[in-house]
Amino acid sequence: MTVTAPRTDPSRIVVGRIAGVYGLKGWVKVVSETDPRDGILGYVPWLIGPEATPRKLSERKLHGKGMIVRLDGCEDRDAAAQLVGQEIAVTREQLPPPRPDEFYWFDLEGLAVVTVAGVDLGRVDHLFSTGVNDVLVVKGERERLLPFAWGDVVKDVDFARGRIEVDWDPDF
């Protein structure tokens, strides 16, 4: 499972957000940042908002291209409305360990990005998906967008050294 959202607090991994209310009985619309999209439903509890308040799911449904949930203690539209805009996070321990050839996006954030010739391009600020390739947003003396194309652009990810080696023209 890929978790795509940027990490704002190292103790919490953001996996989605509450986008709106649904109906009158406390249901909310959820935007998931996991792949697969419904993977967010497998995490218990969710840590909601900046206070990371633990909440369990009472009910859940896939709804069109999205999903709706009702959280424990959220019994009406007014309670649901107070949750709109809140991030949904989990702890690192709740995530399955990646296979040896995999890693989570948030593990790449903050790593140095260096060309095969040794030129420092900056550090990974965050990543995003275009549908074709994932993209590294590298901030250094300027911002660069590098496709995360394993083998073609990304040559090595070395967590021990805290860096990603890329085949990239620094002038591009």
Protein backbone atom coordinates (compact mmCIF):
# COMPACT_ATOMS: atom_id res chain seq x y z
CA MET A 1 0.00 0.00 0.00
CA THR A 2 1.32 3.41 -0.90
CA VAL A 3 0.71 6.38 1.34
CA THR A 4 1.03 9.48 -0.74
CA ALA A 5 0.33 12.40 1.49
CA PRO A 6 3.10 14.58 2.85
CA ARG A 7 3.94 14.13 6.49
CA THR A 8 3.42 17.24 8.58
CA ASP A 9 4.35 15.71 11.95
CA PRO A 10 6.81 12.82 12.19
CA SER A 11 4.64 11.02 14.75
CA ARG A 12 1.60 11.09 12.43
CA ILE A 13 1.28 9.93 8.83
CA VAL A 14 -1.52 11.73 7.00
CA VAL A 15 -3.58 9.23 4.99
CA GLY A 16 -6.57 11.39 4.07
CA ARG A 17 -8.92 14.15 5.07
CA ILE A 18 -12.56 14.77 5.82
CA ALA A 19 -13.98 16.64 2.85
CA GLY A 20 -17.60 17.25 3.75
CA VAL A 21 -20.76 16.06 5.42
CA TYR A 22 -23.11 13.47 3.97
CA GLY A 23 -26.73 13.36 5.07
CA LEU A 24 -28.16 14.11 8.50
CA LYS A 25 -26.92 11.19 10.63
CA GLY A 26 -23.24 12.10 11.18
CA TRP A 27 -21.68 10.67 8.02
CA VAL A 28 -18.71 12.44 6.43
CA LYS A 29 -17.09 12.28 2.97
CA VAL A 30 -13.50 11.09 3.05
CA VAL A 31 -10.69 11.77 0.59
CA SER A 32 -8.09 9.01 0.83
CA GLU A 33 -4.39 9.43 0.10
CA THR A 34 -3.74 5.68 0.17
CA ASP A 35 -3.31 3.31 -2.73
CA PRO A 36 -5.59 1.46 -3.02
CA ARG A 37 -8.00 4.25 -2.17
CA ASP A 38 -10.08 2.15 0.22
CA GLY A 39 -6.93 1.08 2.13
CA ILE A 40 -7.64 3.94 4.54
CA LEU A 41 -10.60 1.96 5.88
CA GLY A 42 -8.27 -0.72 7.25
CA TYR A 43 -6.59 1.57 9.77
CA VAL A 44 -7.99 1.74 13.29
CA PRO A 45 -8.07 4.13 14.96
CA TRP A 46 -7.86 7.25 12.83
CA LEU A 47 -6.10 10.22 14.40
CA ILE A 48 -8.28 13.21 13.57
CA GLY A 49 -7.17 16.84 13.39
CA PRO A 50 -4.16 18.64 14.83
CA GLU A 51 -4.80 17.15 18.28
CA ALA A 52 -4.64 13.63 16.74
CA THR A 53 -7.81 12.58 18.54
CA PRO A 54 -8.23 8.79 18.13
CA ARG A 55 -11.56 7.87 16.49
CA LYS A 56 -12.95 4.49 15.46
CA LEU A 57 -15.18 3.95 12.45
CA SER A 58 -18.77 3.02 13.27
CA GLU A 59 -19.83 2.54 9.67
CA ARG A 60 -18.18 2.80 6.26
CA LYS A 61 -19.32 2.64 2.64
CA LEU A 62 -17.77 3.10 -0.76
CA HIS A 63 -19.84 5.79 -2.42
CA GLY A 64 -19.35 6.46 -6.13
CA LYS A 65 -15.67 7.27 -6.62
CA GLY A 66 -15.27 8.17 -2.97
CA MET A 67 -16.25 6.89 0.42
CA ILE A 68 -18.35 7.94 3.36
CA VAL A 69 -17.89 7.01 7.01
CA ARG A 70 -19.50 7.60 10.35
CA LEU A 71 -17.11 7.92 13.27
CA ASP A 72 -17.92 6.78 16.80
CA GLY A 73 -19.65 9.58 18.66
CA CYS A 74 -20.61 11.45 15.50
CA GLU A 75 -24.40 11.15 15.52
CA ASP A 76 -25.68 14.17 13.55
CA ARG A 77 -24.89 16.64 10.81
CA ASP A 78 -23.69 19.31 13.26
CA ALA A 79 -21.09 16.95 14.77
CA ALA A 80 -20.00 15.88 11.28
CA ALA A 81 -19.65 19.51 10.15
CA GLN A 82 -17.09 20.14 12.90
CA LEU A 83 -14.84 17.48 11.34
CA VAL A 84 -14.79 18.93 7.82
CA GLY A 85 -11.29 19.87 6.71
CA GLN A 86 -9.56 17.78 9.36
CA GLU A 87 -6.66 15.52 8.40
CA ILE A 88 -6.90 11.79 8.99
CA ALA A 89 -3.61 10.32 10.21
CA VAL A 90 -2.21 7.07 11.54
CA THR A 91 0.98 6.14 13.34
CA ARG A 92 3.92 4.54 11.55
CA GLU A 93 3.28 1.37 13.56
CA GLN A 94 -0.18 1.03 11.96
CA LEU A 95 1.33 0.79 8.48
CA PRO A 96 2.45 -2.55 7.09
CA PRO A 97 6.22 -2.73 6.71
CA PRO A 98 7.30 -2.12 3.13
CA ARG A 99 8.93 -4.96 1.21
CA PRO A 100 12.69 -4.66 0.70
CA ASP A 101 12.18 -3.10 -2.75
CA GLU A 102 9.51 -0.64 -1.56
CA PHE A 103 9.26 2.46 0.61
CA TYR A 104 6.67 4.98 1.60
CA TRP A 105 6.73 8.42 0.01
CA PHE A 106 7.09 10.10 3.39
CA ASP A 107 10.34 8.17 3.90
CA LEU A 108 11.79 10.02 0.89
CA GLU A 109 10.89 13.47 2.22
CA GLY A 110 13.96 15.34 3.41
CA LEU A 111 16.47 13.11 1.61
CA ALA A 112 19.23 14.88 -0.34
CA VAL A 113 19.03 14.55 -4.12
CA VAL A 114 22.39 14.25 -5.87
CA THR A 115 23.20 13.66 -9.52
CA VAL A 116 25.36 10.72 -10.60
CA ALA A 117 28.09 13.36 -11.19
CA GLY A 118 27.83 14.47 -7.54
CA VAL A 119 25.91 17.73 -8.04
CA ASP A 120 23.61 18.53 -5.10
CA LEU A 121 20.13 19.44 -6.36
CA GLY A 122 18.53 19.97 -2.95
CA ARG A 123 16.17 17.93 -0.79
CA VAL A 124 12.90 16.14 -1.45
CA ASP A 125 10.13 18.43 -0.24
CA HIS A 126 7.26 16.15 -1.24
CA LEU A 127 5.97 13.90 -4.01
CA PHE A 128 2.86 13.81 -6.11
CA SER A 129 1.36 11.51 -8.71
CA THR A 130 0.56 12.46 -12.30
CA GLY A 131 -0.99 9.12 -13.16
CA VAL A 132 1.97 8.29 -15.41
CA ASN A 133 4.88 8.87 -13.03
CA ASP A 134 5.27 9.92 -9.46
CA VAL A 135 7.16 13.21 -9.22
CA LEU A 136 9.80 14.28 -6.71
CA VAL A 137 9.58 17.96 -5.77
CA VAL A 138 13.18 18.88 -4.99
CA LYS A 139 13.94 22.20 -3.35
CA GLY A 140 17.47 23.57 -3.41
CA GLU A 141 18.77 26.76 -4.99
CA ARG A 142 15.56 26.41 -7.02
CA GLU A 143 12.64 24.02 -7.20
CA ARG A 144 12.88 21.07 -9.58
CA LEU A 145 10.29 18.46 -10.54
CA LEU A 146 11.92 15.09 -11.25
CA PRO A 147 9.98 12.08 -12.46
CA PHE A 148 10.39 9.15 -10.10
CA ALA A 149 11.32 6.81 -12.94
CA TRP A 150 13.29 3.98 -11.35
CA GLY A 151 16.34 3.12 -13.43
CA ASP A 152 15.94 5.96 -15.91
CA VAL A 153 16.08 8.95 -13.54
CA VAL A 154 16.29 7.50 -10.03
CA LYS A 155 19.40 5.35 -9.79
CA ASP A 156 19.57 4.68 -6.06
CA VAL A 157 17.76 5.44 -2.81
CA ASP A 158 20.23 5.20 0.07
CA PHE A 159 18.52 5.70 3.42
CA ALA A 160 21.75 5.05 5.33
CA ARG A 161 23.40 8.02 3.60
CA GLY A 162 20.16 10.02 3.47
CA ARG A 163 20.21 10.56 -0.28
CA ILE A 164 18.72 9.76 -3.64
CA GLU A 165 21.04 9.49 -6.63
CA VAL A 166 19.55 10.65 -9.94
CA ASP A 167 20.58 10.83 -13.56
CA TRP A 168 19.49 14.41 -14.17
CA ASP A 169 20.97 17.48 -15.84
CA PRO A 170 21.35 20.12 -13.11
CA ASP A 171 20.65 22.86 -15.66
CA PHE A 172 17.25 21.39 -16.51
